[in-house]
Each structure stands twice: as structure tokens, then as C-alpha cells.
Amino acid sequence: MDNLFATAGTAAAVFAGTNVDDIIVLTVLFLSSRTRGRPRPWQIVTGQYAGIAALVALSAVAALGLTVVPDEWVGLLGLLPLGLGLWSLAGAVRAGGTEDGESPVVATGLLSVAGVTVANGADNISVYTPVFRTIGLTSSLVTVAVFTVLTALWCAAGSWLGSHPKVTAAVGKFGHWLVPGVFIVLGAVIVLESGILGRLAELL
């Protein structure tokens, strides 16, 4: 029993440590849902679960010694949030970037939310893989259960922050730049930290 509690505690620490930035993404998505009606709350929650499930599945597969996506190329996933941010920014520019304008939609449905979650957590695979490789089946199931509970907690936190008066007021004033800006920075960080640009340059 003590081992199970220890496993749960470790799983909670691993999840929290690798998904702090997801709170920001979820807050932006829930803000977009409230101001523009897209993506819908159920799409955000389901997409977040689908993205986390994909990351866990990829980590479990990698723990078995199989690599679906080579580590040196996962940085390409950063192009998804980067592209969504640039597309939203272009929409804000076309609208004139007025304070009275509505915040741009950075993700329109379940698949785009799941894609952003996977892109944002692609580097998590390098953390989750050794965890699943070194623990048994029972501990792995406990870890997955903890991840499931904490994903719900993360969504609840994002929803609360997205409805907080001060956050909503700030986005009301600067959302046309802030919302796409978050996604552009997120995508750029993923791409730059992965070193993918250097590898692409070597191929050219």
C-alpha cells in the first residue's frame, strides 16, 4: 500500500512538473471559448484528455523499445501552435487590432486542442518513457490513473482562470494580441529548444 501511495505521489510530481505550461494554454482556450464560442468547453476537455492519452501511449510504446517519432524530429510539432498563433494574429491585424474586437480563435475544435496538447507535451515523452520503463504494470496503472485525475484538475484550473474577472478584463483589452502571442511563443520555444532548425540546416 505504501508503494502505491509513493507511486501516486511520484506520478503527481511528474505530471505537475511537465505540464505547468498547460495551465496557460488551457486558460487561453477557455477564454477563447467564452469570448468566441470556439472551441466548446467539452472539446477543450476531451481534446486535453486525448492529447495526454496520446503522450502516455507514445511514452509506453517508447518504454518497450519502440520509437514512433525519432526524438530529433519531435520539435516539428511546435509548428502547430506556432501556425495557429500566426493565423490568429493575421486575423487580428486584418480586424485592425481594436480593443473592442473579439479575441481571435486559436483552436476551433477537439482535434486542434489535442494537437496543441501533444505539441506542447512532446518533450514530456522523454520524461515519461523512463518512468514507464522502470515501474511494473500495477504502478503504471496507478500512474495513468493519477494523470487522469490531474488532467481534470488542470482543465478545472484553466476554466476558472479563464473566467476570473481580472484575467477576462485583461484579455478584453489585449486579447487580440495576447491570445495569439501565447501560441506563437509556445510554438517558437518548442521549435528552438528542440534544435530542429540546426538539423534541418544540416540537411540543406
N, C-alpha and C. Protein backbone atom coordinates (compact mmCIF):
# COMPACT_ATOMS: atom_id res chain seq x y z
N MET A 1 0.83 -1.21 0.00
CA MET A 1 0.00 0.00 0.00
C MET A 1 0.86 1.26 0.00
N ASP A 2 1.92 1.22 0.83
CA ASP A 2 2.82 2.37 0.88
C ASP A 2 3.46 2.63 -0.47
N ASN A 3 3.78 1.52 -1.18
CA ASN A 3 4.39 1.66 -2.51
C ASN A 3 3.43 2.34 -3.48
N LEU A 4 2.14 2.02 -3.36
CA LEU A 4 1.14 2.62 -4.25
C LEU A 4 1.02 4.12 -4.00
N PHE A 5 1.04 4.50 -2.70
CA PHE A 5 0.97 5.93 -2.37
C PHE A 5 2.22 6.66 -2.87
N ALA A 6 3.36 5.99 -2.74
CA ALA A 6 4.61 6.59 -3.21
C ALA A 6 4.57 6.75 -4.72
N THR A 7 4.04 5.74 -5.41
CA THR A 7 3.91 5.80 -6.87
C THR A 7 2.98 6.93 -7.28
N ALA A 8 1.85 7.06 -6.54
CA ALA A 8 0.89 8.13 -6.84
C ALA A 8 1.53 9.50 -6.64
N GLY A 9 2.30 9.64 -5.57
CA GLY A 9 2.98 10.91 -5.30
C GLY A 9 3.99 11.25 -6.37
N THR A 10 4.75 10.24 -6.80
CA THR A 10 5.73 10.46 -7.86
C THR A 10 5.04 10.83 -9.17
N ALA A 11 3.94 10.13 -9.47
CA ALA A 11 3.20 10.42 -10.70
C ALA A 11 2.65 11.84 -10.70
N ALA A 12 2.15 12.28 -9.53
CA ALA A 12 1.62 13.65 -9.41
C ALA A 12 2.72 14.68 -9.63
N ALA A 13 3.90 14.41 -9.06
CA ALA A 13 5.02 15.33 -9.22
C ALA A 13 5.49 15.40 -10.66
N VAL A 14 5.53 14.23 -11.32
CA VAL A 14 5.96 14.18 -12.72
C VAL A 14 4.97 14.93 -13.60
N PHE A 15 3.68 14.70 -13.38
CA PHE A 15 2.66 15.37 -14.19
C PHE A 15 2.70 16.88 -14.00
N ALA A 16 2.75 17.30 -12.74
CA ALA A 16 2.76 18.74 -12.45
C ALA A 16 4.01 19.40 -13.02
N GLY A 17 5.14 18.74 -12.88
CA GLY A 17 6.40 19.32 -13.36
C GLY A 17 6.48 19.46 -14.86
N THR A 18 5.78 18.58 -15.57
CA THR A 18 5.86 18.59 -17.04
C THR A 18 4.68 19.30 -17.70
N ASN A 19 3.71 19.72 -16.91
CA ASN A 19 2.51 20.32 -17.51
C ASN A 19 2.12 21.67 -16.92
N VAL A 20 3.08 22.34 -16.28
CA VAL A 20 2.79 23.67 -15.74
C VAL A 20 2.33 24.63 -16.83
N ASP A 21 3.01 24.58 -17.98
CA ASP A 21 2.66 25.50 -19.07
C ASP A 21 1.30 25.18 -19.69
N ASP A 22 0.80 23.96 -19.46
CA ASP A 22 -0.52 23.61 -19.98
C ASP A 22 -1.62 24.46 -19.35
N ILE A 23 -1.39 24.93 -18.13
CA ILE A 23 -2.38 25.78 -17.47
C ILE A 23 -2.61 27.05 -18.29
N ILE A 24 -1.53 27.62 -18.80
CA ILE A 24 -1.63 28.83 -19.62
C ILE A 24 -2.40 28.54 -20.90
N VAL A 25 -2.06 27.43 -21.54
CA VAL A 25 -2.74 27.06 -22.79
C VAL A 25 -4.22 26.84 -22.54
N LEU A 26 -4.56 26.11 -21.49
CA LEU A 26 -5.97 25.82 -21.19
C LEU A 26 -6.73 27.11 -20.85
N THR A 27 -6.07 28.02 -20.14
CA THR A 27 -6.71 29.29 -19.82
C THR A 27 -7.05 30.06 -21.10
N VAL A 28 -6.11 30.09 -22.03
CA VAL A 28 -6.33 30.77 -23.30
C VAL A 28 -7.47 30.11 -24.07
N LEU A 29 -7.50 28.79 -24.06
CA LEU A 29 -8.55 28.07 -24.79
C LEU A 29 -9.93 28.34 -24.19
N PHE A 30 -10.02 28.32 -22.86
CA PHE A 30 -11.31 28.59 -22.22
C PHE A 30 -11.73 30.05 -22.41
N LEU A 31 -10.76 30.96 -22.44
CA LEU A 31 -11.08 32.35 -22.74
C LEU A 31 -11.64 32.48 -24.15
N SER A 32 -11.02 31.78 -25.09
CA SER A 32 -11.49 31.79 -26.46
C SER A 32 -12.90 31.23 -26.54
N SER A 33 -13.15 30.18 -25.76
CA SER A 33 -14.48 29.57 -25.75
C SER A 33 -15.54 30.55 -25.24
N ARG A 34 -15.17 31.31 -24.20
CA ARG A 34 -16.14 32.24 -23.63
C ARG A 34 -16.37 33.46 -24.50
N THR A 35 -15.32 33.92 -25.18
CA THR A 35 -15.47 35.15 -25.97
C THR A 35 -15.95 34.90 -27.39
N ARG A 36 -15.63 33.74 -27.94
CA ARG A 36 -15.99 33.46 -29.33
C ARG A 36 -16.86 32.22 -29.51
N GLY A 37 -16.98 31.42 -28.46
CA GLY A 37 -17.80 30.21 -28.55
C GLY A 37 -17.08 29.02 -29.13
N ARG A 38 -15.80 29.19 -29.46
CA ARG A 38 -14.99 28.09 -30.00
C ARG A 38 -13.60 28.12 -29.39
N PRO A 39 -13.02 26.96 -29.11
CA PRO A 39 -13.67 25.65 -29.09
C PRO A 39 -14.63 25.55 -27.90
N ARG A 40 -15.58 24.66 -27.99
CA ARG A 40 -16.53 24.48 -26.90
C ARG A 40 -15.83 23.83 -25.70
N PRO A 41 -16.34 24.09 -24.48
CA PRO A 41 -15.69 23.52 -23.29
C PRO A 41 -15.47 22.01 -23.37
N TRP A 42 -16.46 21.27 -23.88
CA TRP A 42 -16.31 19.81 -23.95
C TRP A 42 -15.21 19.42 -24.93
N GLN A 43 -15.03 20.26 -25.96
CA GLN A 43 -13.95 19.97 -26.92
C GLN A 43 -12.58 20.23 -26.29
N ILE A 44 -12.50 21.23 -25.43
CA ILE A 44 -11.24 21.52 -24.74
C ILE A 44 -10.88 20.37 -23.80
N VAL A 45 -11.85 19.95 -23.00
CA VAL A 45 -11.60 18.87 -22.03
C VAL A 45 -11.28 17.57 -22.74
N THR A 46 -12.10 17.22 -23.74
CA THR A 46 -11.88 15.97 -24.47
C THR A 46 -10.56 16.02 -25.24
N GLY A 47 -10.26 17.18 -25.84
CA GLY A 47 -9.02 17.32 -26.58
C GLY A 47 -7.81 17.21 -25.67
N GLN A 48 -7.92 17.79 -24.47
CA GLN A 48 -6.82 17.71 -23.50
C GLN A 48 -6.59 16.25 -23.09
N TYR A 49 -7.68 15.54 -22.82
CA TYR A 49 -7.56 14.12 -22.46
C TYR A 49 -6.98 13.31 -23.61
N ALA A 50 -7.43 13.61 -24.82
CA ALA A 50 -6.92 12.88 -25.98
C ALA A 50 -5.42 13.14 -26.17
N GLY A 51 -5.00 14.39 -25.98
CA GLY A 51 -3.59 14.73 -26.12
C GLY A 51 -2.73 14.06 -25.07
N ILE A 52 -3.19 14.10 -23.80
CA ILE A 52 -2.44 13.46 -22.72
C ILE A 52 -2.39 11.95 -22.94
N ALA A 53 -3.51 11.37 -23.39
CA ALA A 53 -3.55 9.93 -23.66
C ALA A 53 -2.55 9.56 -24.75
N ALA A 54 -2.46 10.40 -25.78
CA ALA A 54 -1.51 10.14 -26.86
C ALA A 54 -0.07 10.20 -26.35
N LEU A 55 0.23 11.17 -25.49
CA LEU A 55 1.57 11.30 -24.93
C LEU A 55 1.92 10.09 -24.07
N VAL A 56 0.96 9.64 -23.26
CA VAL A 56 1.18 8.47 -22.42
C VAL A 56 1.38 7.23 -23.27
N ALA A 57 0.55 7.08 -24.31
CA ALA A 57 0.66 5.92 -25.20
C ALA A 57 2.01 5.89 -25.91
N LEU A 58 2.44 7.04 -26.42
CA LEU A 58 3.74 7.12 -27.10
C LEU A 58 4.88 6.81 -26.14
N SER A 59 4.75 7.27 -24.89
CA SER A 59 5.78 7.01 -23.88
C SER A 59 5.83 5.53 -23.53
N ALA A 60 4.64 4.91 -23.42
CA ALA A 60 4.59 3.49 -23.11
C ALA A 60 5.20 2.66 -24.23
N VAL A 61 4.91 3.05 -25.47
CA VAL A 61 5.49 2.35 -26.62
C VAL A 61 7.00 2.52 -26.64
N ALA A 62 7.46 3.75 -26.38
CA ALA A 62 8.90 4.01 -26.35
C ALA A 62 9.57 3.23 -25.23
N ALA A 63 8.86 3.04 -24.10
CA ALA A 63 9.41 2.28 -22.98
C ALA A 63 9.62 0.81 -23.35
N LEU A 64 8.87 0.35 -24.32
CA LEU A 64 9.03 -1.03 -24.78
C LEU A 64 10.15 -1.16 -25.81
N GLY A 65 10.80 -0.03 -26.08
CA GLY A 65 11.93 -0.05 -27.01
C GLY A 65 11.59 0.31 -28.43
N LEU A 66 10.36 0.78 -28.64
CA LEU A 66 9.93 1.16 -29.98
C LEU A 66 9.81 2.67 -30.05
N THR A 67 10.30 3.28 -31.09
CA THR A 67 10.23 4.73 -31.25
C THR A 67 9.37 5.07 -32.46
N VAL A 68 8.22 5.70 -32.19
CA VAL A 68 7.31 6.08 -33.27
C VAL A 68 7.84 7.30 -34.01
N VAL A 69 8.26 8.31 -33.24
CA VAL A 69 8.82 9.53 -33.81
C VAL A 69 10.21 9.73 -33.21
N PRO A 70 11.26 9.76 -34.03
CA PRO A 70 12.61 9.98 -33.50
C PRO A 70 12.67 11.27 -32.69
N ASP A 71 13.39 11.23 -31.56
CA ASP A 71 13.46 12.39 -30.67
C ASP A 71 13.92 13.66 -31.39
N GLU A 72 14.81 13.50 -32.36
CA GLU A 72 15.35 14.69 -33.01
C GLU A 72 14.35 15.41 -33.90
N TRP A 73 13.19 14.79 -34.15
CA TRP A 73 12.20 15.41 -35.03
C TRP A 73 10.93 15.86 -34.33
N VAL A 74 10.80 15.59 -33.01
CA VAL A 74 9.56 15.96 -32.32
C VAL A 74 9.37 17.47 -32.28
N GLY A 75 10.46 18.22 -32.46
CA GLY A 75 10.35 19.68 -32.46
C GLY A 75 9.46 20.22 -33.56
N LEU A 76 9.27 19.43 -34.61
CA LEU A 76 8.40 19.86 -35.70
C LEU A 76 6.96 20.05 -35.23
N LEU A 77 6.59 19.38 -34.13
CA LEU A 77 5.24 19.54 -33.60
C LEU A 77 4.98 20.97 -33.14
N GLY A 78 6.06 21.70 -32.83
CA GLY A 78 5.90 23.09 -32.42
C GLY A 78 5.34 23.98 -33.51
N LEU A 79 5.40 23.49 -34.75
CA LEU A 79 4.85 24.27 -35.86
C LEU A 79 3.33 24.41 -35.77
N LEU A 80 2.67 23.46 -35.06
CA LEU A 80 1.21 23.53 -34.93
C LEU A 80 0.77 24.74 -34.11
N PRO A 81 1.20 24.87 -32.83
CA PRO A 81 0.79 26.08 -32.10
C PRO A 81 1.34 27.36 -32.72
N LEU A 82 2.53 27.28 -33.33
CA LEU A 82 3.10 28.46 -33.99
C LEU A 82 2.21 28.88 -35.15
N GLY A 83 1.78 27.92 -35.96
CA GLY A 83 0.90 28.22 -37.09
C GLY A 83 -0.45 28.76 -36.64
N LEU A 84 -1.03 28.15 -35.58
CA LEU A 84 -2.32 28.63 -35.07
C LEU A 84 -2.20 30.06 -34.56
N GLY A 85 -1.08 30.35 -33.88
CA GLY A 85 -0.88 31.70 -33.36
C GLY A 85 -0.72 32.73 -34.46
N LEU A 86 0.06 32.38 -35.49
CA LEU A 86 0.26 33.31 -36.61
C LEU A 86 -1.04 33.54 -37.37
N TRP A 87 -1.82 32.48 -37.54
CA TRP A 87 -3.10 32.60 -38.24
C TRP A 87 -4.04 33.52 -37.46
N SER A 88 -4.08 33.36 -36.12
CA SER A 88 -4.93 34.21 -35.29
C SER A 88 -4.43 35.65 -35.29
N LEU A 89 -3.10 35.81 -35.27
CA LEU A 89 -2.53 37.16 -35.30
C LEU A 89 -2.87 37.86 -36.61
N ALA A 90 -2.82 37.11 -37.70
CA ALA A 90 -3.18 37.69 -39.00
C ALA A 90 -4.63 38.15 -39.00
N GLY A 91 -5.50 37.36 -38.34
CA GLY A 91 -6.90 37.75 -38.24
C GLY A 91 -7.07 39.01 -37.42
N ALA A 92 -6.29 39.15 -36.35
CA ALA A 92 -6.36 40.36 -35.52
C ALA A 92 -5.88 41.58 -36.29
N VAL A 93 -4.83 41.40 -37.10
CA VAL A 93 -4.31 42.51 -37.90
C VAL A 93 -5.34 42.94 -38.94
N ARG A 94 -5.96 41.95 -39.58
CA ARG A 94 -7.00 42.28 -40.58
C ARG A 94 -8.17 43.02 -39.95
N ALA A 95 -8.46 42.67 -38.67
CA ALA A 95 -9.58 43.32 -37.98
C ALA A 95 -9.18 44.67 -37.43
N GLY A 96 -7.92 45.02 -37.58
CA GLY A 96 -7.46 46.33 -37.12
C GLY A 96 -6.94 46.34 -35.71
N GLY A 97 -7.00 45.16 -35.02
CA GLY A 97 -6.45 45.07 -33.66
C GLY A 97 -7.07 46.02 -32.68
N THR A 98 -8.36 46.31 -32.83
CA THR A 98 -9.03 47.25 -31.93
C THR A 98 -9.36 46.58 -30.62
N GLU A 99 -9.39 47.34 -29.55
CA GLU A 99 -9.69 46.79 -28.23
C GLU A 99 -11.10 46.24 -28.17
N ASP A 100 -11.99 46.81 -28.97
CA ASP A 100 -13.37 46.36 -28.94
C ASP A 100 -13.57 45.09 -29.75
N GLY A 101 -12.54 44.70 -30.53
CA GLY A 101 -12.66 43.50 -31.34
C GLY A 101 -12.65 42.26 -30.48
N GLU A 102 -13.21 41.18 -30.99
CA GLU A 102 -13.25 39.93 -30.25
C GLU A 102 -11.90 39.27 -30.30
N SER A 103 -11.58 38.51 -29.23
CA SER A 103 -10.33 37.77 -29.20
C SER A 103 -10.35 36.72 -30.29
N PRO A 104 -9.25 36.53 -31.00
CA PRO A 104 -9.20 35.56 -32.08
C PRO A 104 -9.28 34.13 -31.58
N VAL A 105 -9.80 33.26 -32.42
CA VAL A 105 -9.90 31.85 -32.09
C VAL A 105 -8.57 31.18 -32.44
N VAL A 106 -7.93 30.55 -31.45
CA VAL A 106 -6.65 29.91 -31.72
C VAL A 106 -6.80 28.42 -31.98
N ALA A 107 -7.90 27.85 -31.59
CA ALA A 107 -8.18 26.45 -31.87
C ALA A 107 -9.68 26.32 -32.05
N THR A 108 -10.10 25.58 -33.04
CA THR A 108 -11.52 25.57 -33.39
C THR A 108 -12.27 24.31 -32.98
N GLY A 109 -11.58 23.27 -32.55
CA GLY A 109 -12.27 22.04 -32.22
C GLY A 109 -11.40 21.06 -31.47
N LEU A 110 -11.94 19.86 -31.28
CA LEU A 110 -11.30 18.83 -30.49
C LEU A 110 -9.92 18.46 -31.03
N LEU A 111 -9.82 18.26 -32.34
CA LEU A 111 -8.56 17.82 -32.93
C LEU A 111 -7.45 18.86 -32.77
N SER A 112 -7.79 20.12 -32.96
CA SER A 112 -6.76 21.16 -32.82
C SER A 112 -6.32 21.30 -31.37
N VAL A 113 -7.25 21.14 -30.42
CA VAL A 113 -6.89 21.18 -29.00
C VAL A 113 -5.97 20.01 -28.66
N ALA A 114 -6.33 18.82 -29.14
CA ALA A 114 -5.50 17.64 -28.89
C ALA A 114 -4.12 17.82 -29.52
N GLY A 115 -4.09 18.39 -30.72
CA GLY A 115 -2.81 18.61 -31.40
C GLY A 115 -1.91 19.56 -30.64
N VAL A 116 -2.49 20.64 -30.12
CA VAL A 116 -1.71 21.61 -29.34
C VAL A 116 -1.21 20.96 -28.05
N THR A 117 -2.04 20.12 -27.43
CA THR A 117 -1.62 19.42 -26.20
C THR A 117 -0.45 18.50 -26.47
N VAL A 118 -0.52 17.76 -27.57
CA VAL A 118 0.58 16.86 -27.92
C VAL A 118 1.85 17.65 -28.24
N ALA A 119 1.69 18.72 -29.02
CA ALA A 119 2.85 19.54 -29.39
C ALA A 119 3.50 20.15 -28.15
N ASN A 120 2.66 20.65 -27.24
CA ASN A 120 3.18 21.28 -26.04
C ASN A 120 3.84 20.27 -25.10
N GLY A 121 3.42 19.01 -25.20
CA GLY A 121 3.95 17.98 -24.30
C GLY A 121 4.86 16.99 -24.97
N ALA A 122 5.30 17.28 -26.18
CA ALA A 122 6.14 16.33 -26.90
C ALA A 122 7.41 16.00 -26.12
N ASP A 123 7.96 17.02 -25.45
CA ASP A 123 9.18 16.77 -24.67
C ASP A 123 8.90 15.97 -23.41
N ASN A 124 7.61 15.86 -23.02
CA ASN A 124 7.25 15.06 -21.85
C ASN A 124 7.56 13.59 -22.06
N ILE A 125 7.56 13.18 -23.32
CA ILE A 125 7.79 11.77 -23.63
C ILE A 125 9.16 11.33 -23.09
N SER A 126 10.14 12.22 -23.17
CA SER A 126 11.48 11.87 -22.69
C SER A 126 11.50 11.69 -21.17
N VAL A 127 10.51 12.28 -20.47
CA VAL A 127 10.40 12.13 -19.02
C VAL A 127 9.56 10.90 -18.68
N TYR A 128 8.43 10.75 -19.39
CA TYR A 128 7.52 9.64 -19.09
C TYR A 128 8.10 8.28 -19.45
N THR A 129 8.89 8.23 -20.53
CA THR A 129 9.41 6.95 -21.02
C THR A 129 10.22 6.20 -19.97
N PRO A 130 11.23 6.82 -19.34
CA PRO A 130 11.97 6.07 -18.32
C PRO A 130 11.13 5.70 -17.11
N VAL A 131 10.08 6.50 -16.83
CA VAL A 131 9.19 6.18 -15.71
C VAL A 131 8.47 4.87 -16.00
N PHE A 132 7.87 4.76 -17.19
CA PHE A 132 7.15 3.54 -17.54
C PHE A 132 8.09 2.35 -17.73
N ARG A 133 9.34 2.65 -18.08
CA ARG A 133 10.31 1.58 -18.32
C ARG A 133 10.76 0.93 -17.01
N THR A 134 10.72 1.70 -15.92
CA THR A 134 11.29 1.21 -14.66
C THR A 134 10.26 0.77 -13.63
N ILE A 135 8.98 0.96 -13.90
CA ILE A 135 7.94 0.54 -12.95
C ILE A 135 7.13 -0.60 -13.55
N GLY A 136 6.50 -1.36 -12.69
CA GLY A 136 5.72 -2.51 -13.16
C GLY A 136 4.35 -2.12 -13.66
N LEU A 137 3.57 -3.14 -14.01
CA LEU A 137 2.23 -2.91 -14.57
C LEU A 137 1.32 -2.21 -13.58
N THR A 138 1.32 -2.67 -12.33
CA THR A 138 0.44 -2.07 -11.33
C THR A 138 0.77 -0.60 -11.12
N SER A 139 2.05 -0.29 -10.98
CA SER A 139 2.48 1.10 -10.79
C SER A 139 2.16 1.94 -12.02
N SER A 140 2.26 1.34 -13.19
CA SER A 140 1.94 2.06 -14.43
C SER A 140 0.46 2.43 -14.45
N LEU A 141 -0.40 1.50 -14.02
CA LEU A 141 -1.85 1.77 -13.98
C LEU A 141 -2.17 2.87 -12.97
N VAL A 142 -1.47 2.84 -11.82
CA VAL A 142 -1.66 3.90 -10.83
C VAL A 142 -1.23 5.24 -11.40
N THR A 143 -0.12 5.26 -12.12
CA THR A 143 0.39 6.49 -12.73
C THR A 143 -0.61 7.04 -13.74
N VAL A 144 -1.16 6.17 -14.57
CA VAL A 144 -2.16 6.60 -15.55
C VAL A 144 -3.40 7.14 -14.85
N ALA A 145 -3.81 6.50 -13.76
CA ALA A 145 -4.98 6.97 -13.01
C ALA A 145 -4.74 8.36 -12.43
N VAL A 146 -3.54 8.59 -11.90
CA VAL A 146 -3.19 9.91 -11.35
C VAL A 146 -3.19 10.95 -12.46
N PHE A 147 -2.61 10.61 -13.61
CA PHE A 147 -2.62 11.52 -14.75
C PHE A 147 -4.05 11.88 -15.15
N THR A 148 -4.94 10.89 -15.10
CA THR A 148 -6.34 11.11 -15.48
C THR A 148 -7.01 12.11 -14.55
N VAL A 149 -6.79 11.93 -13.25
CA VAL A 149 -7.39 12.84 -12.26
C VAL A 149 -6.81 14.24 -12.38
N LEU A 150 -5.49 14.33 -12.55
CA LEU A 150 -4.85 15.64 -12.62
C LEU A 150 -5.18 16.38 -13.91
N THR A 151 -5.46 15.65 -14.98
CA THR A 151 -5.89 16.30 -16.23
C THR A 151 -7.21 17.04 -16.00
N ALA A 152 -8.12 16.39 -15.24
CA ALA A 152 -9.39 17.04 -14.89
C ALA A 152 -9.14 18.27 -14.04
N LEU A 153 -8.19 18.17 -13.10
CA LEU A 153 -7.86 19.31 -12.24
C LEU A 153 -7.26 20.45 -13.06
N TRP A 154 -6.41 20.11 -14.01
CA TRP A 154 -5.80 21.12 -14.88
C TRP A 154 -6.88 21.83 -15.70
N CYS A 155 -7.84 21.07 -16.22
CA CYS A 155 -8.93 21.67 -17.01
C CYS A 155 -9.77 22.59 -16.12
N ALA A 156 -10.03 22.15 -14.89
CA ALA A 156 -10.82 22.98 -13.97
C ALA A 156 -10.08 24.28 -13.65
N ALA A 157 -8.76 24.18 -13.46
CA ALA A 157 -7.96 25.38 -13.17
C ALA A 157 -7.97 26.33 -14.35
N GLY A 158 -7.82 25.79 -15.58
CA GLY A 158 -7.85 26.61 -16.77
C GLY A 158 -9.19 27.29 -16.95
N SER A 159 -10.26 26.55 -16.67
CA SER A 159 -11.61 27.11 -16.78
C SER A 159 -11.82 28.22 -15.77
N TRP A 160 -11.35 28.01 -14.54
CA TRP A 160 -11.50 29.03 -13.50
C TRP A 160 -10.72 30.29 -13.85
N LEU A 161 -9.48 30.12 -14.26
CA LEU A 161 -8.66 31.27 -14.64
C LEU A 161 -9.27 31.99 -15.83
N GLY A 162 -9.84 31.20 -16.76
CA GLY A 162 -10.44 31.79 -17.95
C GLY A 162 -11.70 32.58 -17.66
N SER A 163 -12.27 32.38 -16.46
CA SER A 163 -13.48 33.12 -16.09
C SER A 163 -13.22 34.14 -14.99
N HIS A 164 -11.95 34.24 -14.55
CA HIS A 164 -11.60 35.19 -13.50
C HIS A 164 -11.75 36.61 -14.03
N PRO A 165 -12.42 37.47 -13.29
CA PRO A 165 -12.68 38.84 -13.76
C PRO A 165 -11.43 39.59 -14.22
N LYS A 166 -10.34 39.50 -13.46
CA LYS A 166 -9.13 40.24 -13.82
C LYS A 166 -8.52 39.70 -15.11
N VAL A 167 -8.52 38.37 -15.24
CA VAL A 167 -7.98 37.76 -16.45
C VAL A 167 -8.84 38.12 -17.64
N THR A 168 -10.16 38.01 -17.46
CA THR A 168 -11.08 38.34 -18.55
C THR A 168 -10.96 39.81 -18.96
N ALA A 169 -10.78 40.69 -17.97
CA ALA A 169 -10.64 42.13 -18.27
C ALA A 169 -9.37 42.39 -19.06
N ALA A 170 -8.28 41.73 -18.65
CA ALA A 170 -7.00 41.92 -19.34
C ALA A 170 -7.09 41.44 -20.78
N VAL A 171 -7.73 40.29 -20.97
CA VAL A 171 -7.87 39.75 -22.32
C VAL A 171 -8.82 40.62 -23.14
N GLY A 172 -9.80 41.22 -22.46
CA GLY A 172 -10.72 42.11 -23.17
C GLY A 172 -9.98 43.29 -23.79
N LYS A 173 -8.91 43.74 -23.10
CA LYS A 173 -8.14 44.87 -23.60
C LYS A 173 -7.05 44.47 -24.58
N PHE A 174 -6.39 43.36 -24.26
CA PHE A 174 -5.21 42.99 -25.04
C PHE A 174 -5.31 41.62 -25.69
N GLY A 175 -6.48 40.99 -25.61
CA GLY A 175 -6.64 39.63 -26.10
C GLY A 175 -6.31 39.44 -27.57
N HIS A 176 -6.59 40.50 -28.38
CA HIS A 176 -6.35 40.38 -29.82
C HIS A 176 -4.87 40.21 -30.13
N TRP A 177 -3.99 40.60 -29.18
CA TRP A 177 -2.55 40.36 -29.34
C TRP A 177 -2.06 39.27 -28.39
N LEU A 178 -2.61 39.24 -27.17
CA LEU A 178 -2.13 38.31 -26.15
C LEU A 178 -2.40 36.86 -26.51
N VAL A 179 -3.62 36.56 -26.94
CA VAL A 179 -4.00 35.17 -27.21
C VAL A 179 -3.13 34.53 -28.30
N PRO A 180 -3.05 35.13 -29.49
CA PRO A 180 -2.16 34.52 -30.49
C PRO A 180 -0.70 34.57 -30.07
N GLY A 181 -0.34 35.61 -29.28
CA GLY A 181 1.05 35.74 -28.83
C GLY A 181 1.48 34.56 -27.98
N VAL A 182 0.58 34.08 -27.11
CA VAL A 182 0.90 32.92 -26.27
C VAL A 182 1.22 31.71 -27.13
N PHE A 183 0.44 31.49 -28.17
CA PHE A 183 0.64 30.33 -29.03
C PHE A 183 1.89 30.48 -29.89
N ILE A 184 2.16 31.69 -30.34
CA ILE A 184 3.37 31.92 -31.14
C ILE A 184 4.61 31.65 -30.29
N VAL A 185 4.64 32.18 -29.07
CA VAL A 185 5.78 31.97 -28.17
C VAL A 185 5.92 30.49 -27.84
N LEU A 186 4.79 29.83 -27.56
CA LEU A 186 4.81 28.40 -27.25
C LEU A 186 5.42 27.60 -28.38
N GLY A 187 4.93 27.84 -29.61
CA GLY A 187 5.45 27.11 -30.77
C GLY A 187 6.91 27.41 -31.02
N ALA A 188 7.30 28.69 -30.89
CA ALA A 188 8.70 29.07 -31.12
C ALA A 188 9.63 28.42 -30.11
N VAL A 189 9.21 28.37 -28.85
CA VAL A 189 10.03 27.74 -27.81
C VAL A 189 10.22 26.25 -28.09
N ILE A 190 9.14 25.58 -28.47
CA ILE A 190 9.22 24.14 -28.77
C ILE A 190 10.20 23.90 -29.92
N VAL A 191 10.08 24.69 -30.98
CA VAL A 191 10.94 24.52 -32.15
C VAL A 191 12.40 24.83 -31.81
N LEU A 192 12.64 25.95 -31.13
CA LEU A 192 14.01 26.37 -30.84
C LEU A 192 14.70 25.44 -29.84
N GLU A 193 13.98 25.04 -28.80
CA GLU A 193 14.60 24.19 -27.78
C GLU A 193 14.88 22.78 -28.29
N SER A 194 14.17 22.36 -29.32
CA SER A 194 14.36 21.02 -29.85
C SER A 194 15.62 20.92 -30.71
N GLY A 195 16.12 22.08 -31.19
CA GLY A 195 17.29 22.06 -32.06
C GLY A 195 16.97 21.61 -33.47
N ILE A 196 15.69 21.58 -33.81
CA ILE A 196 15.28 21.07 -35.12
C ILE A 196 15.79 21.95 -36.26
N LEU A 197 15.93 23.26 -36.01
CA LEU A 197 16.40 24.15 -37.07
C LEU A 197 17.82 23.80 -37.50
N GLY A 198 18.66 23.47 -36.53
CA GLY A 198 20.02 23.07 -36.85
C GLY A 198 20.06 21.80 -37.66
N ARG A 199 19.21 20.83 -37.31
CA ARG A 199 19.18 19.57 -38.04
C ARG A 199 18.66 19.75 -39.47
N LEU A 200 17.67 20.66 -39.61
CA LEU A 200 17.17 20.94 -40.95
C LEU A 200 18.24 21.63 -41.79
N ALA A 201 19.01 22.54 -41.14
CA ALA A 201 20.08 23.24 -41.86
C ALA A 201 21.14 22.26 -42.35
N GLU A 202 21.39 21.21 -41.57
CA GLU A 202 22.39 20.22 -41.98
C GLU A 202 21.95 19.44 -43.20
N LEU A 203 20.61 19.31 -43.35
CA LEU A 203 20.10 18.55 -44.49
C LEU A 203 20.10 19.35 -45.78
N LEU A 204 20.14 20.69 -45.64
CA LEU A 204 20.07 21.57 -46.82
C LEU A 204 21.44 21.80 -47.42
